[in-house]
N, C-alpha and C. Protein backbone atom coordinates (compact mmCIF):
# COMPACT_ATOMS: atom_id res chain seq x y z
N ILE A 1 0.98 -1.36 0.13
CA ILE A 1 0.12 0.03 0.07
C ILE A 1 1.05 1.17 0.13
N ARG A 2 1.79 1.23 0.90
CA ARG A 2 2.51 2.74 1.30
C ARG A 2 3.53 2.56 -0.34
N HIS A 3 3.81 1.59 -0.89
CA HIS A 3 4.70 1.69 -2.31
C HIS A 3 3.81 2.15 -3.12
N ALA A 4 2.68 1.91 -3.07
CA ALA A 4 1.56 2.59 -4.38
C ALA A 4 1.60 3.90 -4.00
N LEU A 5 1.61 4.25 -2.82
CA LEU A 5 1.05 5.59 -2.58
C LEU A 5 2.44 6.70 -2.59
N ALA A 6 3.66 6.37 -2.70
CA ALA A 6 4.72 6.89 -2.73
C ALA A 6 4.81 8.03 -3.96
N GLY A 7 5.04 9.04 -3.39
CA GLY A 7 5.47 10.15 -4.39
C GLY A 7 3.96 10.52 -4.79
N ASN A 8 2.99 10.10 -4.45
CA ASN A 8 1.67 10.73 -4.85
C ASN A 8 0.99 11.81 -4.02
N PHE A 9 1.30 11.64 -2.83
CA PHE A 9 0.64 12.55 -1.77
C PHE A 9 1.62 12.85 -1.03
N CYS A 10 1.22 14.26 -0.08
CA CYS A 10 2.37 14.72 0.92
C CYS A 10 2.58 13.73 2.00
N ARG A 11 3.82 13.59 2.34
CA ARG A 11 4.23 12.48 3.21
C ARG A 11 4.46 12.71 4.70
N CYS A 12 3.98 14.10 4.94
CA CYS A 12 4.33 14.45 6.31
C CYS A 12 3.18 14.02 7.15
N THR A 13 1.80 13.39 6.99
CA THR A 13 1.08 12.53 7.63
C THR A 13 1.44 10.71 7.64
N GLY A 14 2.37 10.32 7.04
CA GLY A 14 2.87 8.97 6.77
C GLY A 14 1.62 7.95 6.08
N TYR A 15 0.82 8.49 5.51
CA TYR A 15 -0.47 7.75 5.00
C TYR A 15 -1.21 6.98 6.29
N VAL A 16 -1.08 7.55 7.29
CA VAL A 16 -1.86 6.39 8.21
C VAL A 16 -3.20 6.28 7.95
N GLN A 17 -3.83 7.43 7.65
CA GLN A 17 -5.37 7.00 7.84
C GLN A 17 -5.66 6.31 6.50
N ILE A 18 -5.18 6.91 5.29
CA ILE A 18 -5.41 6.07 4.11
C ILE A 18 -4.78 4.74 4.11
N VAL A 19 -3.67 4.10 4.59
CA VAL A 19 -3.52 2.72 4.52
C VAL A 19 -4.39 2.04 5.64
N ASP A 20 -4.57 2.82 6.66
CA ASP A 20 -6.24 2.27 7.34
C ASP A 20 -7.20 2.02 6.96
N ALA A 21 -7.80 2.80 5.87
CA ALA A 21 -8.71 2.72 5.04
C ALA A 21 -8.93 1.53 4.09
N VAL A 22 -7.22 1.77 3.21
CA VAL A 22 -7.21 0.92 2.33
C VAL A 22 -7.32 -0.79 2.87
N LYS A 23 -6.94 -1.16 3.78
CA LYS A 23 -6.73 -2.33 4.73
C LYS A 23 -8.00 -2.45 5.17
N ALA A 24 -8.90 -1.73 5.53
CA ALA A 24 -10.29 -2.18 6.20
C ALA A 24 -11.28 -2.17 4.76
N ALA A 25 -11.20 -1.77 3.72
CA ALA A 25 -11.81 -2.03 2.62
C ALA A 25 -11.24 -3.41 1.95
N SER A 26 -10.38 -3.50 1.98
CA SER A 26 -9.81 -4.83 1.64
C SER A 26 -9.87 -6.13 2.45
N HIS A 27 -10.26 -5.94 3.31
CA HIS A 27 -11.25 -7.06 4.63
C HIS A 27 -12.18 -7.06 4.41
N ALA A 28 -12.87 -6.04 4.74
CA ALA A 28 -14.58 -6.18 4.06
C ALA A 28 -14.70 -6.76 2.86
N ILE A 29 -14.07 -6.70 1.73
CA ILE A 29 -14.46 -7.22 0.60
C ILE A 29 -13.97 -8.40 0.43
N SER A 30 -12.73 -8.99 1.03
CA SER A 30 -12.20 -10.19 1.16
C SER A 30 -13.22 -11.05 1.90
N THR A 31 -13.97 -10.63 2.86
CA THR A 31 -14.85 -11.30 4.01
C THR A 31 -15.97 -10.92 3.92
N LYS A 32 -16.59 -10.13 3.07
CA LYS A 32 -18.35 -10.35 3.01
C LYS A 32 -18.56 -9.68 1.69
N GLY A 33 -17.59 -9.48 0.60
CA GLY A 33 -17.84 -9.38 -0.70
C GLY A 33 -18.29 -7.74 -0.99
N GLU A 34 -18.44 -7.04 -0.02
CA GLU A 34 -18.82 -5.74 -0.40
C GLU A 34 -18.50 -4.68 0.70
N MET A 35 -18.35 -3.58 0.63
CA MET A 35 -17.93 -2.35 1.68
C MET A 35 -19.04 -1.36 1.36
N ARG A 36 -19.43 -1.14 2.07
CA ARG A 36 -20.50 0.21 2.04
C ARG A 36 -19.75 1.30 2.69
N PRO A 37 -19.86 2.66 2.38
CA PRO A 37 -19.25 3.86 2.92
C PRO A 37 -19.74 4.29 3.85
N ARG A 38 -18.67 4.62 4.85
CA ARG A 38 -19.17 4.85 6.10
C ARG A 38 -19.44 6.78 6.30
N LYS A 39 -20.00 7.14 6.98
CA LYS A 39 -20.19 8.94 6.96
C LYS A 39 -19.12 9.37 7.80
N ALA A 40 -19.05 10.64 7.26
CA ALA A 40 -17.50 11.28 7.27
C ALA A 40 -17.70 11.81 9.14
N GLU A 41 -16.84 11.68 9.77
CA GLU A 41 -17.04 12.25 10.97
C GLU A 41 -16.43 13.80 11.41
């Protein structure tokens, strides 16, 4: 995930929330076959 993002975004945050979101989506899709969007906080 980090390799795919390298050079595309500002690195000051370390991509933490983006990486977490990709992992959550990947897990949900692989276990449930779908993922519904969550409301913004």
